[in-house]
Amino acid sequence: MSADNQTAVFLGDKVLAQAMTSDLEKVEGNWYFKESALIDRSKFTPSETHTHCGWKGDASYFNYTKDDGEVIKDIAWFYPTPMKGAEAVAGRVAFYVGKVPGLKIGVPSV
């Protein structure tokens, strides 16, 4: 993806997050969007899931509520307080592309 392009996260044809590609951080193959890039923040709610990464720290997760009311558990994760050396992911959200059916990253339509 070109640094001059917009990049978005789609669930089906619905855009969940969108930003300039140059504003994204790519870490371990995952694109991290600034939390402000979320299109409708009210649809993202805290999950009970928490995991630990040996170099990034403790991760928290978001569930997502679709327009029809279906809740997709753990669709995205973030590091509330990343460890030293992982500051690039602070304030950013990554999505479980490949684990959530219909979730993909691409270029939004104009």
N, C-alpha and C. Protein backbone atom coordinates (compact mmCIF):
# COMPACT_ATOMS: atom_id res chain seq x y z
N MET A 1 0.84 -1.18 0.00
CA MET A 1 0.00 0.00 0.00
C MET A 1 0.88 1.24 0.00
N SER A 2 0.55 2.16 -0.83
CA SER A 2 1.33 3.39 -0.97
C SER A 2 1.13 4.31 0.22
N ALA A 3 2.17 5.01 0.60
CA ALA A 3 2.09 5.95 1.72
C ALA A 3 1.15 7.11 1.41
N ASP A 4 0.82 7.35 0.14
CA ASP A 4 -0.08 8.44 -0.24
C ASP A 4 -1.54 8.03 -0.20
N ASN A 5 -1.83 6.76 0.00
CA ASN A 5 -3.19 6.25 -0.06
C ASN A 5 -3.86 6.22 1.29
N GLN A 6 -5.18 6.14 1.24
CA GLN A 6 -5.97 5.84 2.43
C GLN A 6 -6.01 4.33 2.57
N THR A 7 -6.02 3.86 3.79
CA THR A 7 -6.16 2.44 4.09
C THR A 7 -7.32 2.30 5.06
N ALA A 8 -8.11 1.25 4.88
CA ALA A 8 -9.28 1.06 5.74
C ALA A 8 -9.38 -0.39 6.18
N VAL A 9 -10.10 -0.58 7.28
CA VAL A 9 -10.47 -1.92 7.74
C VAL A 9 -11.94 -2.08 7.40
N PHE A 10 -12.27 -3.17 6.73
CA PHE A 10 -13.64 -3.45 6.32
C PHE A 10 -14.15 -4.70 7.04
N LEU A 11 -15.42 -4.68 7.40
CA LEU A 11 -16.14 -5.88 7.81
C LEU A 11 -17.23 -6.02 6.78
N GLY A 12 -17.02 -6.96 5.84
CA GLY A 12 -17.88 -6.99 4.66
C GLY A 12 -17.60 -5.73 3.86
N ASP A 13 -18.64 -4.92 3.62
CA ASP A 13 -18.42 -3.67 2.89
C ASP A 13 -18.50 -2.45 3.81
N LYS A 14 -18.59 -2.66 5.12
CA LYS A 14 -18.64 -1.56 6.09
C LYS A 14 -17.23 -1.19 6.54
N VAL A 15 -16.92 0.10 6.50
CA VAL A 15 -15.61 0.59 6.94
C VAL A 15 -15.63 0.78 8.46
N LEU A 16 -14.70 0.11 9.15
CA LEU A 16 -14.61 0.23 10.61
C LEU A 16 -13.57 1.26 11.05
N ALA A 17 -12.51 1.40 10.26
CA ALA A 17 -11.45 2.36 10.56
C ALA A 17 -10.83 2.79 9.24
N GLN A 18 -10.37 4.04 9.20
CA GLN A 18 -9.78 4.56 7.97
C GLN A 18 -8.74 5.62 8.31
N ALA A 19 -7.61 5.58 7.60
CA ALA A 19 -6.53 6.55 7.85
C ALA A 19 -5.62 6.61 6.63
N MET A 20 -4.80 7.65 6.60
CA MET A 20 -3.76 7.70 5.59
C MET A 20 -2.78 6.57 5.90
N THR A 21 -2.35 5.86 4.89
CA THR A 21 -1.43 4.75 5.09
C THR A 21 -0.17 5.23 5.82
N SER A 22 0.27 6.44 5.55
CA SER A 22 1.46 6.97 6.21
C SER A 22 1.26 7.19 7.71
N ASP A 23 0.00 7.20 8.18
CA ASP A 23 -0.29 7.36 9.61
C ASP A 23 -0.34 6.03 10.36
N LEU A 24 -0.21 4.92 9.65
CA LEU A 24 -0.30 3.61 10.27
C LEU A 24 1.06 3.13 10.75
N GLU A 25 1.04 2.25 11.72
CA GLU A 25 2.25 1.56 12.17
C GLU A 25 2.07 0.09 11.83
N LYS A 26 3.07 -0.52 11.22
CA LYS A 26 3.02 -1.94 10.92
C LYS A 26 4.01 -2.65 11.84
N VAL A 27 3.48 -3.54 12.67
CA VAL A 27 4.28 -4.28 13.63
C VAL A 27 3.90 -5.75 13.53
N GLU A 28 4.88 -6.59 13.30
CA GLU A 28 4.68 -8.04 13.19
C GLU A 28 3.56 -8.39 12.21
N GLY A 29 3.49 -7.66 11.10
CA GLY A 29 2.51 -7.94 10.06
C GLY A 29 1.13 -7.37 10.31
N ASN A 30 0.94 -6.69 11.42
CA ASN A 30 -0.36 -6.10 11.75
C ASN A 30 -0.31 -4.59 11.58
N TRP A 31 -1.37 -4.04 10.96
CA TRP A 31 -1.48 -2.59 10.80
C TRP A 31 -2.16 -2.02 12.03
N TYR A 32 -1.51 -1.06 12.68
CA TYR A 32 -2.07 -0.40 13.86
C TYR A 32 -2.59 0.98 13.46
N PHE A 33 -3.89 1.19 13.67
CA PHE A 33 -4.56 2.45 13.38
C PHE A 33 -4.64 3.27 14.67
N LYS A 34 -4.52 4.59 14.55
CA LYS A 34 -4.77 5.44 15.72
C LYS A 34 -6.22 5.21 16.13
N GLU A 35 -6.47 5.25 17.44
CA GLU A 35 -7.84 5.02 17.91
C GLU A 35 -8.80 6.04 17.29
N SER A 36 -8.34 7.23 17.00
CA SER A 36 -9.18 8.25 16.38
C SER A 36 -9.61 7.88 14.96
N ALA A 37 -8.99 6.85 14.37
CA ALA A 37 -9.36 6.41 13.01
C ALA A 37 -10.60 5.51 13.01
N LEU A 38 -11.06 5.10 14.20
CA LEU A 38 -12.27 4.28 14.27
C LEU A 38 -13.45 5.11 13.80
N ILE A 39 -14.26 4.57 12.89
CA ILE A 39 -15.36 5.33 12.29
C ILE A 39 -16.49 5.57 13.28
N ASP A 40 -16.93 4.55 14.00
CA ASP A 40 -18.00 4.70 14.98
C ASP A 40 -17.55 4.06 16.29
N ARG A 41 -16.86 4.84 17.10
CA ARG A 41 -16.26 4.34 18.34
C ARG A 41 -17.29 3.70 19.26
N SER A 42 -18.56 4.16 19.20
CA SER A 42 -19.60 3.63 20.09
C SER A 42 -19.89 2.15 19.84
N LYS A 43 -19.52 1.64 18.68
CA LYS A 43 -19.76 0.22 18.37
C LYS A 43 -18.65 -0.69 18.91
N PHE A 44 -17.57 -0.10 19.40
CA PHE A 44 -16.46 -0.86 19.98
C PHE A 44 -16.58 -0.80 21.50
N THR A 45 -16.67 -1.97 22.13
CA THR A 45 -16.80 -2.04 23.59
C THR A 45 -15.69 -2.91 24.16
N PRO A 46 -15.27 -2.64 25.39
CA PRO A 46 -14.20 -3.44 25.99
C PRO A 46 -14.60 -4.91 26.10
N SER A 47 -13.66 -5.78 25.80
CA SER A 47 -13.82 -7.22 25.94
C SER A 47 -13.23 -7.64 27.29
N GLU A 48 -13.60 -8.82 27.73
CA GLU A 48 -13.01 -9.38 28.95
C GLU A 48 -11.64 -10.00 28.66
N THR A 49 -11.27 -10.12 27.39
CA THR A 49 -10.03 -10.79 27.00
C THR A 49 -8.82 -9.89 27.21
N HIS A 50 -7.77 -10.47 27.77
CA HIS A 50 -6.49 -9.79 27.94
C HIS A 50 -5.40 -10.82 27.67
N THR A 51 -4.35 -10.41 26.98
CA THR A 51 -3.22 -11.30 26.71
C THR A 51 -1.93 -10.55 27.01
N HIS A 52 -0.83 -11.27 26.98
CA HIS A 52 0.46 -10.65 27.25
C HIS A 52 1.43 -10.97 26.12
N CYS A 53 2.13 -9.96 25.64
CA CYS A 53 3.20 -10.11 24.67
C CYS A 53 4.50 -9.80 25.41
N GLY A 54 5.49 -10.64 25.20
CA GLY A 54 6.76 -10.49 25.91
C GLY A 54 7.49 -9.19 25.64
N TRP A 55 7.23 -8.53 24.51
CA TRP A 55 7.96 -7.28 24.26
C TRP A 55 7.04 -6.07 24.12
N LYS A 56 5.74 -6.27 23.87
CA LYS A 56 4.82 -5.13 23.79
C LYS A 56 4.07 -4.89 25.09
N GLY A 57 3.85 -5.95 25.88
CA GLY A 57 3.16 -5.79 27.16
C GLY A 57 1.79 -6.43 27.16
N ASP A 58 0.91 -5.92 28.02
CA ASP A 58 -0.43 -6.47 28.18
C ASP A 58 -1.38 -5.84 27.18
N ALA A 59 -2.11 -6.71 26.47
CA ALA A 59 -3.07 -6.25 25.46
C ALA A 59 -4.49 -6.38 26.00
N SER A 60 -5.32 -5.43 25.64
CA SER A 60 -6.76 -5.48 25.89
C SER A 60 -7.44 -5.57 24.54
N TYR A 61 -8.71 -5.99 24.54
CA TYR A 61 -9.42 -6.25 23.30
C TYR A 61 -10.73 -5.49 23.24
N PHE A 62 -11.21 -5.30 22.01
CA PHE A 62 -12.52 -4.71 21.76
C PHE A 62 -13.44 -5.74 21.12
N ASN A 63 -14.71 -5.72 21.52
CA ASN A 63 -15.77 -6.39 20.79
C ASN A 63 -16.38 -5.33 19.87
N TYR A 64 -17.07 -5.77 18.83
CA TYR A 64 -17.71 -4.85 17.89
C TYR A 64 -19.16 -5.26 17.71
N THR A 65 -20.07 -4.31 17.82
CA THR A 65 -21.49 -4.59 17.62
C THR A 65 -21.90 -4.13 16.23
N LYS A 66 -22.31 -5.10 15.41
CA LYS A 66 -22.76 -4.80 14.05
C LYS A 66 -24.12 -4.09 14.09
N ASP A 67 -24.51 -3.52 12.96
CA ASP A 67 -25.79 -2.81 12.87
C ASP A 67 -26.98 -3.70 13.22
N ASP A 68 -26.87 -5.01 12.95
CA ASP A 68 -27.97 -5.93 13.26
C ASP A 68 -27.95 -6.43 14.70
N GLY A 69 -27.01 -5.93 15.51
CA GLY A 69 -26.93 -6.29 16.92
C GLY A 69 -25.97 -7.43 17.23
N GLU A 70 -25.50 -8.14 16.20
CA GLU A 70 -24.54 -9.22 16.43
C GLU A 70 -23.24 -8.65 16.98
N VAL A 71 -22.72 -9.31 18.01
CA VAL A 71 -21.46 -8.87 18.62
C VAL A 71 -20.33 -9.77 18.14
N ILE A 72 -19.29 -9.17 17.61
CA ILE A 72 -18.11 -9.91 17.19
C ILE A 72 -17.06 -9.74 18.29
N LYS A 73 -16.78 -10.83 18.96
CA LYS A 73 -15.88 -10.81 20.12
C LYS A 73 -14.42 -10.66 19.67
N ASP A 74 -13.71 -9.82 20.39
CA ASP A 74 -12.26 -9.67 20.22
C ASP A 74 -11.85 -9.36 18.78
N ILE A 75 -12.55 -8.43 18.15
CA ILE A 75 -12.26 -8.07 16.76
C ILE A 75 -10.95 -7.28 16.64
N ALA A 76 -10.56 -6.61 17.72
CA ALA A 76 -9.37 -5.76 17.68
C ALA A 76 -8.70 -5.75 19.04
N TRP A 77 -7.42 -5.37 19.04
CA TRP A 77 -6.68 -5.29 20.31
C TRP A 77 -5.82 -4.04 20.34
N PHE A 78 -5.42 -3.71 21.56
CA PHE A 78 -4.58 -2.53 21.77
C PHE A 78 -3.77 -2.73 23.04
N TYR A 79 -2.73 -1.94 23.18
CA TYR A 79 -1.85 -2.00 24.35
C TYR A 79 -2.03 -0.70 25.14
N PRO A 80 -2.78 -0.74 26.26
CA PRO A 80 -3.02 0.49 27.03
C PRO A 80 -1.73 1.15 27.50
N THR A 81 -0.76 0.34 27.90
CA THR A 81 0.52 0.86 28.38
C THR A 81 1.63 -0.02 27.81
N PRO A 82 2.05 0.23 26.56
CA PRO A 82 3.08 -0.62 25.96
C PRO A 82 4.40 -0.53 26.73
N MET A 83 5.15 -1.60 26.65
CA MET A 83 6.46 -1.65 27.29
C MET A 83 7.46 -0.77 26.54
N LYS A 84 8.55 -0.45 27.19
CA LYS A 84 9.62 0.32 26.56
C LYS A 84 10.09 -0.42 25.31
N GLY A 85 10.20 0.31 24.22
CA GLY A 85 10.59 -0.27 22.94
C GLY A 85 9.40 -0.56 22.04
N ALA A 86 8.19 -0.51 22.61
CA ALA A 86 6.97 -0.77 21.82
C ALA A 86 6.06 0.46 21.80
N GLU A 87 6.63 1.62 22.03
CA GLU A 87 5.84 2.85 22.10
C GLU A 87 5.09 3.15 20.81
N ALA A 88 5.53 2.61 19.69
CA ALA A 88 4.89 2.88 18.39
C ALA A 88 3.43 2.42 18.36
N VAL A 89 3.06 1.46 19.22
CA VAL A 89 1.68 0.96 19.22
C VAL A 89 0.80 1.68 20.25
N ALA A 90 1.35 2.60 21.01
CA ALA A 90 0.57 3.33 22.02
C ALA A 90 -0.56 4.11 21.35
N GLY A 91 -1.76 4.02 21.90
CA GLY A 91 -2.91 4.75 21.35
C GLY A 91 -3.39 4.23 20.02
N ARG A 92 -3.01 2.99 19.69
CA ARG A 92 -3.37 2.41 18.38
C ARG A 92 -4.11 1.09 18.56
N VAL A 93 -4.87 0.75 17.53
CA VAL A 93 -5.71 -0.45 17.53
C VAL A 93 -5.36 -1.29 16.31
N ALA A 94 -5.21 -2.59 16.51
CA ALA A 94 -5.00 -3.53 15.40
C ALA A 94 -6.20 -4.47 15.33
N PHE A 95 -6.48 -4.98 14.14
CA PHE A 95 -7.66 -5.81 13.90
C PHE A 95 -7.27 -7.24 13.56
N TYR A 96 -8.13 -8.20 13.95
CA TYR A 96 -7.86 -9.62 13.73
C TYR A 96 -8.23 -10.06 12.32
N VAL A 97 -7.57 -9.49 11.33
CA VAL A 97 -7.76 -9.90 9.94
C VAL A 97 -7.29 -11.35 9.81
N GLY A 98 -8.08 -12.18 9.19
CA GLY A 98 -7.73 -13.59 9.02
C GLY A 98 -8.36 -14.47 10.07
N LYS A 99 -8.76 -13.90 11.21
CA LYS A 99 -9.42 -14.68 12.25
C LYS A 99 -10.91 -14.36 12.34
N VAL A 100 -11.30 -13.17 11.89
CA VAL A 100 -12.70 -12.78 11.89
C VAL A 100 -13.20 -12.85 10.45
N PRO A 101 -14.18 -13.72 10.15
CA PRO A 101 -14.69 -13.83 8.78
C PRO A 101 -15.19 -12.48 8.24
N GLY A 102 -14.79 -12.16 7.02
CA GLY A 102 -15.22 -10.93 6.37
C GLY A 102 -14.42 -9.70 6.72
N LEU A 103 -13.46 -9.83 7.63
CA LEU A 103 -12.64 -8.68 8.03
C LEU A 103 -11.42 -8.60 7.12
N LYS A 104 -11.19 -7.41 6.54
CA LYS A 104 -10.05 -7.25 5.63
C LYS A 104 -9.55 -5.82 5.68
N ILE A 105 -8.33 -5.64 5.20
CA ILE A 105 -7.73 -4.31 5.07
C ILE A 105 -7.58 -4.03 3.59
N GLY A 106 -7.94 -2.81 3.19
CA GLY A 106 -7.85 -2.45 1.79
C GLY A 106 -7.94 -0.95 1.59
N VAL A 107 -8.17 -0.56 0.35
CA VAL A 107 -8.27 0.84 -0.03
C VAL A 107 -9.74 1.19 -0.16
N PRO A 108 -10.21 2.23 0.55
CA PRO A 108 -11.63 2.59 0.47
C PRO A 108 -11.98 3.20 -0.87
N SER A 109 -13.25 3.07 -1.25
CA SER A 109 -13.74 3.69 -2.49
C SER A 109 -13.85 5.19 -2.29
N VAL A 110 -13.69 5.91 -3.38
CA VAL A 110 -13.79 7.37 -3.33
C VAL A 110 -15.23 7.77 -3.50
